[in-house]
Amino acid sequence: MVLISKPTITFVKLNKKSDFILIGCDGIFDSLENEKILKLIWSFKKRGDIIENIHKFSGDIADAVIKYSMKKLTSDNVTVIFISFHNFYEKMIDDTFEYYYNGNVCQYIGGEIDSNNFQ
């Protein structure tokens, strides 16, 4: 087994439109594509307990990403940190909203995300 101590580092400029940050080990991203993770996160909108406890809700999202990664039989570390911003909370309580993926504006309408906008 070979260990590489050079991490992948990405800089992101946050603004008022920022929804969340998901930081994960390579085991997460080796087994799941960004689009799948995004769909999983926004699918939590169907749950009704976000308004009462956003912190627990964020933890539930991190747990779900880990479990989904493990179902995909990742053989590596699956640590996840999920940080939600106020804009994320606002979108979770809204019926229809726009979000960004790879610089594209996408729509959340009627309980599903518009994956036609994914590249």
PDB file of N, CA and C in Angstrom:
ATOM      1  N   MET A   1       0.843  -1.172   0.000  1.00  0.00           N
ATOM      2  CA  MET A   1       0.000   0.000   0.000  1.00  0.00           C
ATOM      3  C   MET A   1       0.890   1.238   0.000  1.00  0.00           C
ATOM      4  N   VAL A   2       0.523   2.211  -0.810  1.00  0.00           N
ATOM      5  CA  VAL A   2       1.281   3.445  -0.913  1.00  0.00           C
ATOM      6  C   VAL A   2       0.428   4.588  -0.375  1.00  0.00           C
ATOM      7  N   LEU A   3       0.999   5.368   0.502  1.00  0.00           N
ATOM      8  CA  LEU A   3       0.315   6.552   1.016  1.00  0.00           C
ATOM      9  C   LEU A   3       0.876   7.790   0.346  1.00  0.00           C
ATOM     10  N   ILE A   4      -0.010   8.660  -0.078  1.00  0.00           N
ATOM     11  CA  ILE A   4       0.405   9.915  -0.678  1.00  0.00           C
ATOM     12  C   ILE A   4      -0.027  11.035   0.267  1.00  0.00           C
ATOM     13  N   SER A   5       0.923  11.851   0.663  1.00  0.00           N
ATOM     14  CA  SER A   5       0.612  12.893   1.637  1.00  0.00           C
ATOM     15  C   SER A   5       0.271  14.228   0.987  1.00  0.00           C
ATOM     16  N   LYS A   6      -0.019  14.210  -0.288  1.00  0.00           N
ATOM     17  CA  LYS A   6      -0.348  15.452  -0.988  1.00  0.00           C
ATOM     18  C   LYS A   6      -1.873  15.528  -1.168  1.00  0.00           C
ATOM     19  N   PRO A   7      -2.555  16.368  -0.386  1.00  0.00           N
ATOM     20  CA  PRO A   7      -4.016  16.456  -0.487  1.00  0.00           C
ATOM     21  C   PRO A   7      -4.455  17.251  -1.714  1.00  0.00           C
ATOM     22  N   THR A   8      -5.686  17.026  -2.114  1.00  0.00           N
ATOM     23  CA  THR A   8      -6.300  17.861  -3.141  1.00  0.00           C
ATOM     24  C   THR A   8      -6.910  19.057  -2.427  1.00  0.00           C
ATOM     25  N   ILE A   9      -6.491  20.243  -2.790  1.00  0.00           N
ATOM     26  CA  ILE A   9      -6.977  21.451  -2.124  1.00  0.00           C
ATOM     27  C   ILE A   9      -7.696  22.307  -3.158  1.00  0.00           C
ATOM     28  N   THR A  10      -8.906  22.716  -2.811  1.00  0.00           N
ATOM     29  CA  THR A  10      -9.699  23.576  -3.672  1.00  0.00           C
ATOM     30  C   THR A  10     -10.079  24.823  -2.896  1.00  0.00           C
ATOM     31  N   PHE A  11      -9.913  25.957  -3.509  1.00  0.00           N
ATOM     32  CA  PHE A  11     -10.317  27.220  -2.899  1.00  0.00           C
ATOM     33  C   PHE A  11     -11.653  27.633  -3.490  1.00  0.00           C
ATOM     34  N   VAL A  12     -12.574  28.011  -2.625  1.00  0.00           N
ATOM     35  CA  VAL A  12     -13.901  28.436  -3.053  1.00  0.00           C
ATOM     36  C   VAL A  12     -14.201  29.767  -2.388  1.00  0.00           C
ATOM     37  N   LYS A  13     -14.603  30.722  -3.173  1.00  0.00           N
ATOM     38  CA  LYS A  13     -14.977  32.022  -2.625  1.00  0.00           C
ATOM     39  C   LYS A  13     -16.445  31.962  -2.216  1.00  0.00           C
ATOM     40  N   LEU A  14     -16.707  32.158  -0.949  1.00  0.00           N
ATOM     41  CA  LEU A  14     -18.075  32.112  -0.440  1.00  0.00           C
ATOM     42  C   LEU A  14     -18.740  33.471  -0.624  1.00  0.00           C
ATOM     43  N   ASN A  15     -20.055  33.428  -0.845  1.00  0.00           N
ATOM     44  CA  ASN A  15     -20.830  34.653  -0.936  1.00  0.00           C
ATOM     45  C   ASN A  15     -22.221  34.402  -0.363  1.00  0.00           C
ATOM     46  N   LYS A  16     -23.117  35.344  -0.520  1.00  0.00           N
ATOM     47  CA  LYS A  16     -24.463  35.207   0.046  1.00  0.00           C
ATOM     48  C   LYS A  16     -25.276  34.093  -0.606  1.00  0.00           C
ATOM     49  N   LYS A  17     -24.850  33.625  -1.767  1.00  0.00           N
ATOM     50  CA  LYS A  17     -25.553  32.545  -2.453  1.00  0.00           C
ATOM     51  C   LYS A  17     -25.016  31.170  -2.077  1.00  0.00           C
ATOM     52  N   SER A  18     -23.974  31.110  -1.263  1.00  0.00           N
ATOM     53  CA  SER A  18     -23.390  29.828  -0.856  1.00  0.00           C
ATOM     54  C   SER A  18     -24.369  29.068   0.021  1.00  0.00           C
ATOM     55  N   ASP A  19     -24.563  27.792  -0.292  1.00  0.00           N
ATOM     56  CA  ASP A  19     -25.518  26.952   0.430  1.00  0.00           C
ATOM     57  C   ASP A  19     -24.847  26.121   1.523  1.00  0.00           C
ATOM     58  N   PHE A  20     -23.797  25.397   1.140  1.00  0.00           N
ATOM     59  CA  PHE A  20     -23.130  24.494   2.076  1.00  0.00           C
ATOM     60  C   PHE A  20     -21.761  24.142   1.540  1.00  0.00           C
ATOM     61  N   ILE A  21     -20.974  23.533   2.411  1.00  0.00           N
ATOM     62  CA  ILE A  21     -19.699  22.942   2.020  1.00  0.00           C
ATOM     63  C   ILE A  21     -19.703  21.514   2.542  1.00  0.00           C
ATOM     64  N   LEU A  22     -19.308  20.586   1.690  1.00  0.00           N
ATOM     65  CA  LEU A  22     -19.130  19.209   2.113  1.00  0.00           C
ATOM     66  C   LEU A  22     -17.656  18.885   1.915  1.00  0.00           C
ATOM     67  N   ILE A  23     -16.989  18.559   3.000  1.00  0.00           N
ATOM     68  CA  ILE A  23     -15.581  18.184   2.960  1.00  0.00           C
ATOM     69  C   ILE A  23     -15.521  16.684   3.248  1.00  0.00           C
ATOM     70  N   GLY A  24     -14.837  15.949   2.392  1.00  0.00           N
ATOM     71  CA  GLY A  24     -14.795  14.513   2.586  1.00  0.00           C
ATOM     72  C   GLY A  24     -13.458  13.917   2.194  1.00  0.00           C
ATOM     73  N   CYS A  25     -13.186  12.758   2.753  1.00  0.00           N
ATOM     74  CA  CYS A  25     -11.976  12.008   2.405  1.00  0.00           C
ATOM     75  C   CYS A  25     -12.140  11.367   1.037  1.00  0.00           C
ATOM     76  N   ASP A  26     -11.046  10.874   0.514  1.00  0.00           N
ATOM     77  CA  ASP A  26     -11.061  10.301  -0.824  1.00  0.00           C
ATOM     78  C   ASP A  26     -11.987   9.105  -0.955  1.00  0.00           C
ATOM     79  N   GLY A  27     -12.255   8.406   0.122  1.00  0.00           N
ATOM     80  CA  GLY A  27     -13.177   7.272   0.060  1.00  0.00           C
ATOM     81  C   GLY A  27     -14.584   7.694  -0.347  1.00  0.00           C
ATOM     82  N   ILE A  28     -14.973   8.898   0.015  1.00  0.00           N
ATOM     83  CA  ILE A  28     -16.275   9.423  -0.387  1.00  0.00           C
ATOM     84  C   ILE A  28     -16.275   9.690  -1.890  1.00  0.00           C
ATOM     85  N   PHE A  29     -15.275  10.426  -2.345  1.00  0.00           N
ATOM     86  CA  PHE A  29     -15.258  10.868  -3.735  1.00  0.00           C
ATOM     87  C   PHE A  29     -14.773   9.784  -4.695  1.00  0.00           C
ATOM     88  N   ASP A  30     -14.159   8.727  -4.176  1.00  0.00           N
ATOM     89  CA  ASP A  30     -13.805   7.583  -5.024  1.00  0.00           C
ATOM     90  C   ASP A  30     -15.051   6.771  -5.373  1.00  0.00           C
ATOM     91  N   SER A  31     -16.040   6.776  -4.468  1.00  0.00           N
ATOM     92  CA  SER A  31     -17.223   5.940  -4.675  1.00  0.00           C
ATOM     93  C   SER A  31     -18.442   6.715  -5.151  1.00  0.00           C
ATOM     94  N   LEU A  32     -18.458   8.034  -4.967  1.00  0.00           N
ATOM     95  CA  LEU A  32     -19.612   8.843  -5.354  1.00  0.00           C
ATOM     96  C   LEU A  32     -19.182  10.018  -6.216  1.00  0.00           C
ATOM     97  N   GLU A  33     -19.945  10.273  -7.247  1.00  0.00           N
ATOM     98  CA  GLU A  33     -19.706  11.459  -8.068  1.00  0.00           C
ATOM     99  C   GLU A  33     -20.350  12.663  -7.387  1.00  0.00           C
ATOM    100  N   ASN A  34     -19.856  13.842  -7.697  1.00  0.00           N
ATOM    101  CA  ASN A  34     -20.405  15.067  -7.109  1.00  0.00           C
ATOM    102  C   ASN A  34     -21.905  15.176  -7.340  1.00  0.00           C
ATOM    103  N   GLU A  35     -22.369  14.809  -8.525  1.00  0.00           N
ATOM    104  CA  GLU A  35     -23.798  14.904  -8.838  1.00  0.00           C
ATOM    105  C   GLU A  35     -24.627  14.020  -7.909  1.00  0.00           C
ATOM    106  N   LYS A  36     -24.149  12.813  -7.632  1.00  0.00           N
ATOM    107  CA  LYS A  36     -24.877  11.904  -6.739  1.00  0.00           C
ATOM    108  C   LYS A  36     -24.943  12.467  -5.319  1.00  0.00           C
ATOM    109  N   ILE A  37     -23.836  13.047  -4.874  1.00  0.00           N
ATOM    110  CA  ILE A  37     -23.819  13.644  -3.536  1.00  0.00           C
ATOM    111  C   ILE A  37     -24.794  14.814  -3.475  1.00  0.00           C
ATOM    112  N   LEU A  38     -24.799  15.644  -4.509  1.00  0.00           N
ATOM    113  CA  LEU A  38     -25.697  16.786  -4.547  1.00  0.00           C
ATOM    114  C   LEU A  38     -27.154  16.342  -4.546  1.00  0.00           C
ATOM    115  N   LYS A  39     -27.483  15.337  -5.336  1.00  0.00           N
ATOM    116  CA  LYS A  39     -28.855  14.819  -5.351  1.00  0.00           C
ATOM    117  C   LYS A  39     -29.248  14.277  -3.978  1.00  0.00           C
ATOM    118  N   LEU A  40     -28.333  13.590  -3.337  1.00  0.00           N
ATOM    119  CA  LEU A  40     -28.603  13.051  -2.004  1.00  0.00           C
ATOM    120  C   LEU A  40     -28.876  14.180  -1.011  1.00  0.00           C
ATOM    121  N   ILE A  41     -28.057  15.210  -1.035  1.00  0.00           N
ATOM    122  CA  ILE A  41     -28.227  16.330  -0.102  1.00  0.00           C
ATOM    123  C   ILE A  41     -29.562  17.029  -0.335  1.00  0.00           C
ATOM    124  N   TRP A  42     -29.873  17.373  -1.577  1.00  0.00           N
ATOM    125  CA  TRP A  42     -31.136  18.079  -1.839  1.00  0.00           C
ATOM    126  C   TRP A  42     -32.340  17.178  -1.642  1.00  0.00           C
ATOM    127  N   SER A  43     -32.170  15.849  -1.690  1.00  0.00           N
ATOM    128  CA  SER A  43     -33.308  14.960  -1.445  1.00  0.00           C
ATOM    129  C   SER A  43     -33.777  15.044   0.002  1.00  0.00           C
ATOM    130  N   PHE A  44     -32.928  15.538   0.880  1.00  0.00           N
ATOM    131  CA  PHE A  44     -33.320  15.702   2.275  1.00  0.00           C
ATOM    132  C   PHE A  44     -34.382  16.779   2.444  1.00  0.00           C
ATOM    133  N   LYS A  45     -34.620  17.569   1.421  1.00  0.00           N
ATOM    134  CA  LYS A  45     -35.635  18.617   1.483  1.00  0.00           C
ATOM    135  C   LYS A  45     -37.011  18.036   1.764  1.00  0.00           C
ATOM    136  N   LYS A  46     -37.220  16.796   1.381  1.00  0.00           N
ATOM    137  CA  LYS A  46     -38.515  16.149   1.592  1.00  0.00           C
ATOM    138  C   LYS A  46     -38.803  15.905   3.072  1.00  0.00           C
ATOM    139  N   ARG A  47     -37.771  15.930   3.898  1.00  0.00           N
ATOM    140  CA  ARG A  47     -37.956  15.713   5.337  1.00  0.00           C
ATOM    141  C   ARG A  47     -38.471  16.978   5.986  1.00  0.00           C
ATOM    142  N   GLY A  48     -39.264  16.855   7.026  1.00  0.00           N
ATOM    143  CA  GLY A  48     -39.886  18.017   7.627  1.00  0.00           C
ATOM    144  C   GLY A  48     -39.244  18.525   8.899  1.00  0.00           C
ATOM    145  N   ASP A  49     -38.197  17.870   9.398  1.00  0.00           N
ATOM    146  CA  ASP A  49     -37.658  18.255  10.702  1.00  0.00           C
ATOM    147  C   ASP A  49     -36.554  19.294  10.642  1.00  0.00           C
ATOM    148  N   ILE A  50     -36.245  19.836   9.472  1.00  0.00           N
ATOM    149  CA  ILE A  50     -35.152  20.808   9.370  1.00  0.00           C
ATOM    150  C   ILE A  50     -35.431  22.089  10.142  1.00  0.00           C
ATOM    151  N   ILE A  51     -36.657  22.528  10.129  1.00  0.00           N
ATOM    152  CA  ILE A  51     -36.994  23.799  10.761  1.00  0.00           C
ATOM    153  C   ILE A  51     -36.721  23.736  12.260  1.00  0.00           C
ATOM    154  N   GLU A  52     -36.871  22.589  12.855  1.00  0.00           N
ATOM    155  CA  GLU A  52     -36.704  22.464  14.295  1.00  0.00           C
ATOM    156  C   GLU A  52     -35.249  22.342  14.736  1.00  0.00           C
ATOM    157  N   ASN A  53     -34.391  21.686  13.925  1.00  0.00           N
ATOM    158  CA  ASN A  53     -33.013  21.490  14.362  1.00  0.00           C
ATOM    159  C   ASN A  53     -32.079  21.360  13.158  1.00  0.00           C
ATOM    160  N   ILE A  54     -31.580  22.476  12.670  1.00  0.00           N
ATOM    161  CA  ILE A  54     -30.707  22.480  11.494  1.00  0.00           C
ATOM    162  C   ILE A  54     -29.388  21.760  11.771  1.00  0.00           C
ATOM    163  N   HIS A  55     -28.922  21.780  13.021  1.00  0.00           N
ATOM    164  CA  HIS A  55     -27.651  21.128  13.354  1.00  0.00           C
ATOM    165  C   HIS A  55     -27.771  19.612  13.248  1.00  0.00           C
ATOM    166  N   LYS A  56     -28.847  19.056  13.787  1.00  0.00           N
ATOM    167  CA  LYS A  56     -29.071  17.613  13.671  1.00  0.00           C
ATOM    168  C   LYS A  56     -29.296  17.240  12.208  1.00  0.00           C
ATOM    169  N   PHE A  57     -30.017  18.078  11.508  1.00  0.00           N
ATOM    170  CA  PHE A  57     -30.292  17.841  10.099  1.00  0.00           C
ATOM    171  C   PHE A  57     -28.995  17.772   9.294  1.00  0.00           C
ATOM    172  N   SER A  58     -28.080  18.688   9.554  1.00  0.00           N
ATOM    173  CA  SER A  58     -26.779  18.691   8.870  1.00  0.00           C
ATOM    174  C   SER A  58     -25.998  17.426   9.194  1.00  0.00           C
ATOM    175  N   GLY A  59     -26.056  16.981  10.458  1.00  0.00           N
ATOM    176  CA  GLY A  59     -25.399  15.736  10.848  1.00  0.00           C
ATOM    177  C   GLY A  59     -26.011  14.533  10.151  1.00  0.00           C
ATOM    178  N   ASP A  60     -27.330  14.555   9.982  1.00  0.00           N
ATOM    179  CA  ASP A  60     -28.008  13.465   9.276  1.00  0.00           C
ATOM    180  C   ASP A  60     -27.564  13.395   7.815  1.00  0.00           C
ATOM    181  N   ILE A  61     -27.340  14.563   7.212  1.00  0.00           N
ATOM    182  CA  ILE A  61     -26.867  14.592   5.829  1.00  0.00           C
ATOM    183  C   ILE A  61     -25.466  13.979   5.742  1.00  0.00           C
ATOM    184  N   ALA A  62     -24.581  14.359   6.655  1.00  0.00           N
ATOM    185  CA  ALA A  62     -23.229  13.793   6.661  1.00  0.00           C
ATOM    186  C   ALA A  62     -23.289  12.276   6.838  1.00  0.00           C
ATOM    187  N   ASP A  63     -24.128  11.805   7.748  1.00  0.00           N
ATOM    188  CA  ASP A  63     -24.281  10.358   7.959  1.00  0.00           C
ATOM    189  C   ASP A  63     -24.788   9.663   6.698  1.00  0.00           C
ATOM    190  N   ALA A  64     -25.743  10.285   6.018  1.00  0.00           N
ATOM    191  CA  ALA A  64     -26.304   9.683   4.810  1.00  0.00           C
ATOM    192  C   ALA A  64     -25.259   9.575   3.706  1.00  0.00           C
ATOM    193  N   VAL A  65     -24.418  10.594   3.564  1.00  0.00           N
ATOM    194  CA  VAL A  65     -23.360  10.550   2.545  1.00  0.00           C
ATOM    195  C   VAL A  65     -22.386   9.409   2.865  1.00  0.00           C
ATOM    196  N   ILE A  66     -22.026   9.258   4.133  1.00  0.00           N
ATOM    197  CA  ILE A  66     -21.129   8.172   4.541  1.00  0.00           C
ATOM    198  C   ILE A  66     -21.766   6.812   4.248  1.00  0.00           C
ATOM    199  N   LYS A  67     -23.024   6.636   4.652  1.00  0.00           N
ATOM    200  CA  LYS A  67     -23.699   5.347   4.442  1.00  0.00           C
ATOM    201  C   LYS A  67     -23.846   5.019   2.962  1.00  0.00           C
ATOM    202  N   TYR A  68     -24.188   6.029   2.160  1.00  0.00           N
ATOM    203  CA  TYR A  68     -24.342   5.804   0.726  1.00  0.00           C
ATOM    204  C   TYR A  68     -23.005   5.425   0.091  1.00  0.00           C
ATOM    205  N   SER A  69     -21.944   6.068   0.541  1.00  0.00           N
ATOM    206  CA  SER A  69     -20.612   5.739   0.048  1.00  0.00           C
ATOM    207  C   SER A  69     -20.241   4.305   0.405  1.00  0.00           C
ATOM    208  N   MET A  70     -20.573   3.890   1.618  1.00  0.00           N
ATOM    209  CA  MET A  70     -20.258   2.527   2.046  1.00  0.00           C
ATOM    210  C   MET A  70     -21.085   1.503   1.262  1.00  0.00           C
ATOM    211  N   LYS A  71     -22.318   1.854   0.903  1.00  0.00           N
ATOM    212  CA  LYS A  71     -23.132   0.956   0.076  1.00  0.00           C
ATOM    213  C   LYS A  71     -22.516   0.779  -1.305  1.00  0.00           C
ATOM    214  N   LYS A  72     -21.762   1.774  -1.745  1.00  0.00           N
ATOM    215  CA  LYS A  72     -21.074   1.691  -3.034  1.00  0.00           C
ATOM    216  C   LYS A  72     -19.745   0.956  -2.908  1.00  0.00           C
ATOM    217  N   LEU A  73     -19.527   0.345  -1.738  1.00  0.00           N
ATOM    218  CA  LEU A  73     -18.376  -0.512  -1.465  1.00  0.00           C
ATOM    219  C   LEU A  73     -17.029   0.208  -1.558  1.00  0.00           C
ATOM    220  N   THR A  74     -16.979   1.417  -1.025  1.00  0.00           N
ATOM    221  CA  THR A  74     -15.701   2.100  -0.962  1.00  0.00           C
ATOM    222  C   THR A  74     -14.771   1.313  -0.046  1.00  0.00           C
ATOM    223  N   SER A  75     -13.509   1.335  -0.348  1.00  0.00           N
ATOM    224  CA  SER A  75     -12.539   0.589   0.467  1.00  0.00           C
ATOM    225  C   SER A  75     -11.581   1.547   1.169  1.00  0.00           C
ATOM    226  N   ASP A  76     -12.003   2.786   1.320  1.00  0.00           N
ATOM    227  CA  ASP A  76     -11.126   3.805   1.882  1.00  0.00           C
ATOM    228  C   ASP A  76     -11.854   4.535   3.012  1.00  0.00           C
ATOM    229  N   ASN A  77     -11.172   5.487   3.604  1.00  0.00           N
ATOM    230  CA  ASN A  77     -11.737   6.296   4.670  1.00  0.00           C
ATOM    231  C   ASN A  77     -12.957   7.053   4.167  1.00  0.00           C
ATOM    232  N   VAL A  78     -13.991   7.191   4.999  1.00  0.00           N
ATOM    233  CA  VAL A  78     -15.229   7.851   4.588  1.00  0.00           C
ATOM    234  C   VAL A  78     -15.637   8.974   5.549  1.00  0.00           C
ATOM    235  N   THR A  79     -14.697   9.777   5.937  1.00  0.00           N
ATOM    236  CA  THR A  79     -14.976  10.897   6.832  1.00  0.00           C
ATOM    237  C   THR A  79     -15.632  12.035   6.051  1.00  0.00           C
ATOM    238  N   VAL A  80     -16.661  12.660   6.663  1.00  0.00           N
ATOM    239  CA  VAL A  80     -17.374  13.768   6.025  1.00  0.00           C
ATOM    240  C   VAL A  80     -17.611  14.873   7.048  1.00  0.00           C
ATOM    241  N   ILE A  81     -17.444  16.107   6.584  1.00  0.00           N
ATOM    242  CA  ILE A  81     -17.842  17.286   7.356  1.00  0.00           C
ATOM    243  C   ILE A  81     -18.815  18.051   6.476  1.00  0.00           C
ATOM    244  N   PHE A  82     -20.007  18.333   7.002  1.00  0.00           N
ATOM    245  CA  PHE A  82     -21.021  19.087   6.263  1.00  0.00           C
ATOM    246  C   PHE A  82     -21.286  20.384   7.011  1.00  0.00           C
ATOM    247  N   ILE A  83     -21.082  21.506   6.330  1.00  0.00           N
ATOM    248  CA  ILE A  83     -21.294  22.823   6.927  1.00  0.00           C
ATOM    249  C   ILE A  83     -22.385  23.522   6.127  1.00  0.00           C
ATOM    250  N   SER A  84     -23.485  23.833   6.778  1.00  0.00           N
ATOM    251  CA  SER A  84     -24.572  24.524   6.089  1.00  0.00           C
ATOM    252  C   SER A  84     -24.565  25.997   6.454  1.00  0.00           C
ATOM    253  N   PHE A  85     -24.921  26.813   5.473  1.00  0.00           N
ATOM    254  CA  PHE A  85     -25.012  28.252   5.676  1.00  0.00           C
ATOM    255  C   PHE A  85     -26.483  28.658   5.714  1.00  0.00           C
ATOM    256  N   HIS A  86     -26.724  29.897   6.094  1.00  0.00           N
ATOM    257  CA  HIS A  86     -28.094  30.384   6.218  1.00  0.00           C
ATOM    258  C   HIS A  86     -28.877  30.188   4.912  1.00  0.00           C
ATOM    259  N   ASN A  87     -28.242  30.384   3.784  1.00  0.00           N
ATOM    260  CA  ASN A  87     -28.902  30.224   2.492  1.00  0.00           C
ATOM    261  C   ASN A  87     -29.419  28.794   2.304  1.00  0.00           C
ATOM    262  N   PHE A  88     -28.696  27.814   2.827  1.00  0.00           N
ATOM    263  CA  PHE A  88     -29.130  26.412   2.752  1.00  0.00           C
ATOM    264  C   PHE A  88     -30.429  26.227   3.511  1.00  0.00           C
ATOM    265  N   TYR A  89     -30.485  26.784   4.706  1.00  0.00           N
ATOM    266  CA  TYR A  89     -31.701  26.710   5.525  1.00  0.00           C
ATOM    267  C   TYR A  89     -32.870  27.350   4.781  1.00  0.00           C
ATOM    268  N   GLU A  90     -32.645  28.521   4.206  1.00  0.00           N
ATOM    269  CA  GLU A  90     -33.709  29.218   3.477  1.00  0.00           C
ATOM    270  C   GLU A  90     -34.219  28.378   2.304  1.00  0.00           C
ATOM    271  N   LYS A  91     -33.319  27.719   1.587  1.00  0.00           N
ATOM    272  CA  LYS A  91     -33.732  26.890   0.460  1.00  0.00           C
ATOM    273  C   LYS A  91     -34.477  25.644   0.926  1.00  0.00           C
ATOM    274  N   MET A  92     -34.111  25.113   2.072  1.00  0.00           N
ATOM    275  CA  MET A  92     -34.783  23.926   2.579  1.00  0.00           C
ATOM    276  C   MET A  92     -36.222  24.203   2.987  1.00  0.00           C
ATOM    277  N   ILE A  93     -36.526  25.435   3.361  1.00  0.00           N
ATOM    278  CA  ILE A  93     -37.910  25.732   3.751  1.00  0.00           C
ATOM    279  C   ILE A  93     -38.701  26.343   2.599  1.00  0.00           C
ATOM    280  N   ASP A  94     -38.064  26.547   1.441  1.00  0.00           N
ATOM    281  CA  ASP A  94     -38.713  27.109   0.262  1.00  0.00           C
ATOM    282  C   ASP A  94     -39.185  25.968  -0.641  1.00  0.00           C
ATOM    283  N   ASP A  95     -40.268  26.181  -1.389  1.00  0.00           N
ATOM    284  CA  ASP A  95     -40.799  25.150  -2.275  1.00  0.00           C
ATOM    285  C   ASP A  95     -40.037  25.036  -3.587  1.00  0.00           C
ATOM    286  N   THR A  96     -39.576  26.143  -4.108  1.00  0.00           N
ATOM    287  CA  THR A  96     -38.872  26.168  -5.387  1.00  0.00           C
ATOM    288  C   THR A  96     -37.675  27.095  -5.249  1.00  0.00           C
ATOM    289  N   PHE A  97     -36.524  26.681  -5.732  1.00  0.00           N
ATOM    290  CA  PHE A  97     -35.345  27.535  -5.634  1.00  0.00           C
ATOM    291  C   PHE A  97     -34.339  27.168  -6.702  1.00  0.00           C
ATOM    292  N   GLU A  98     -33.362  28.037  -6.870  1.00  0.00           N
ATOM    293  CA  GLU A  98     -32.252  27.788  -7.775  1.00  0.00           C
ATOM    294  C   GLU A  98     -31.017  27.470  -6.949  1.00  0.00           C
ATOM    295  N   TYR A  99     -30.156  26.634  -7.496  1.00  0.00           N
ATOM    296  CA  TYR A  99     -28.867  26.369  -6.870  1.00  0.00           C
ATOM    297  C   TYR A  99     -27.854  26.213  -7.986  1.00  0.00           C
ATOM    298  N   TYR A 100     -26.603  26.171  -7.624  1.00  0.00           N
ATOM    299  CA  TYR A 100     -25.535  26.148  -8.616  1.00  0.00           C
ATOM    300  C   TYR A 100     -24.765  24.842  -8.539  1.00  0.00           C
ATOM    301  N   TYR A 101     -24.416  24.317  -9.700  1.00  0.00           N
ATOM    302  CA  TYR A 101     -23.593  23.117  -9.791  1.00  0.00           C
ATOM    303  C   TYR A 101     -22.654  23.304 -10.971  1.00  0.00           C
ATOM    304  N   ASN A 102     -21.367  23.277 -10.709  1.00  0.00           N
ATOM    305  CA  ASN A 102     -20.349  23.485 -11.753  1.00  0.00           C
ATOM    306  C   ASN A 102     -20.600  24.763 -12.555  1.00  0.00           C
ATOM    307  N   GLY A 103     -21.036  25.807 -11.869  1.00  0.00           N
ATOM    308  CA  GLY A 103     -21.268  27.077 -12.530  1.00  0.00           C
ATOM    309  C   GLY A 103     -22.590  27.178 -13.262  1.00  0.00           C
ATOM    310  N   ASN A 104     -23.383  26.121 -13.233  1.00  0.00           N
ATOM    311  CA  ASN A 104     -24.694  26.133 -13.897  1.00  0.00           C
ATOM    312  C   ASN A 104     -25.799  26.402 -12.888  1.00  0.00           C
ATOM    313  N   VAL A 105     -26.792  27.158 -13.304  1.00  0.00           N
ATOM    314  CA  VAL A 105     -27.968  27.375 -12.468  1.00  0.00           C
ATOM    315  C   VAL A 105     -28.905  26.206 -12.694  1.00  0.00           C
ATOM    316  N   CYS A 106     -29.321  25.560 -11.611  1.00  0.00           N
ATOM    317  CA  CYS A 106     -30.245  24.439 -11.677  1.00  0.00           C
ATOM    318  C   CYS A 106     -31.490  24.794 -10.872  1.00  0.00           C
ATOM    319  N   GLN A 107     -32.559  24.072 -11.091  1.00  0.00           N
ATOM    320  CA  GLN A 107     -33.826  24.344 -10.418  1.00  0.00           C
ATOM    321  C   GLN A 107     -34.213  23.177  -9.511  1.00  0.00           C
ATOM    322  N   TYR A 108     -34.783  23.489  -8.359  1.00  0.00           N
ATOM    323  CA  TYR A 108     -35.419  22.484  -7.512  1.00  0.00           C
ATOM    324  C   TYR A 108     -36.910  22.748  -7.619  1.00  0.00           C
ATOM    325  N   ILE A 109     -37.633  21.811  -8.195  1.00  0.00           N
ATOM    326  CA  ILE A 109     -39.061  21.999  -8.414  1.00  0.00           C
ATOM    327  C   ILE A 109     -39.789  20.725  -8.020  1.00  0.00           C
ATOM    328  N   GLY A 110     -40.755  20.847  -7.129  1.00  0.00           N
ATOM    329  CA  GLY A 110     -41.629  19.730  -6.804  1.00  0.00           C
ATOM    330  C   GLY A 110     -40.948  18.502  -6.247  1.00  0.00           C
ATOM    331  N   GLY A 111     -39.948  18.670  -5.438  1.00  0.00           N
ATOM    332  CA  GLY A 111     -39.327  17.550  -4.763  1.00  0.00           C
ATOM    333  C   GLY A 111     -38.197  16.875  -5.509  1.00  0.00           C
ATOM    334  N   GLU A 112     -37.830  17.372  -6.680  1.00  0.00           N
ATOM    335  CA  GLU A 112     -36.731  16.782  -7.435  1.00  0.00           C
ATOM    336  C   GLU A 112     -35.808  17.887  -7.934  1.00  0.00           C
ATOM    337  N   ILE A 113     -34.571  17.519  -8.198  1.00  0.00           N
ATOM    338  CA  ILE A 113     -33.676  18.491  -8.809  1.00  0.00           C
ATOM    339  C   ILE A 113     -33.645  18.258 -10.299  1.00  0.00           C
ATOM    340  N   ASP A 114     -33.469  19.318 -11.032  1.00  0.00           N
ATOM    341  CA  ASP A 114     -33.422  19.250 -12.488  1.00  0.00           C
ATOM    342  C   ASP A 114     -32.035  18.823 -12.923  1.00  0.00           C
ATOM    343  N   SER A 115     -31.853  17.513 -13.130  1.00  0.00           N
ATOM    344  CA  SER A 115     -30.533  16.994 -13.470  1.00  0.00           C
ATOM    345  C   SER A 115     -30.177  17.223 -14.935  1.00  0.00           C
ATOM    346  N   ASN A 116     -31.094  17.762 -15.721  1.00  0.00           N
ATOM    347  CA  ASN A 116     -30.766  18.074 -17.118  1.00  0.00           C
ATOM    348  C   ASN A 116     -29.709  19.155 -17.202  1.00  0.00           C
ATOM    349  N   ASN A 117     -29.551  19.924 -16.125  1.00  0.00           N
ATOM    350  CA  ASN A 117     -28.565  21.003 -16.127  1.00  0.00           C
ATOM    351  C   ASN A 117     -27.182  20.526 -15.746  1.00  0.00           C
ATOM    352  N   PHE A 118     -27.033  19.260 -15.367  1.00  0.00           N
ATOM    353  CA  PHE A 118     -25.726  18.754 -14.993  1.00  0.00           C
ATOM    354  C   PHE A 118     -24.907  18.473 -16.231  1.00  0.00           C
ATOM    355  N   GLN A 119     -23.607  18.725 -16.137  1.00  0.00           N
ATOM    356  CA  GLN A 119     -22.724  18.432 -17.256  1.00  0.00           C
ATOM    357  C   GLN A 119     -22.221  17.017 -17.160  1.00  0.00           C
TER     358      GLN A 119
END
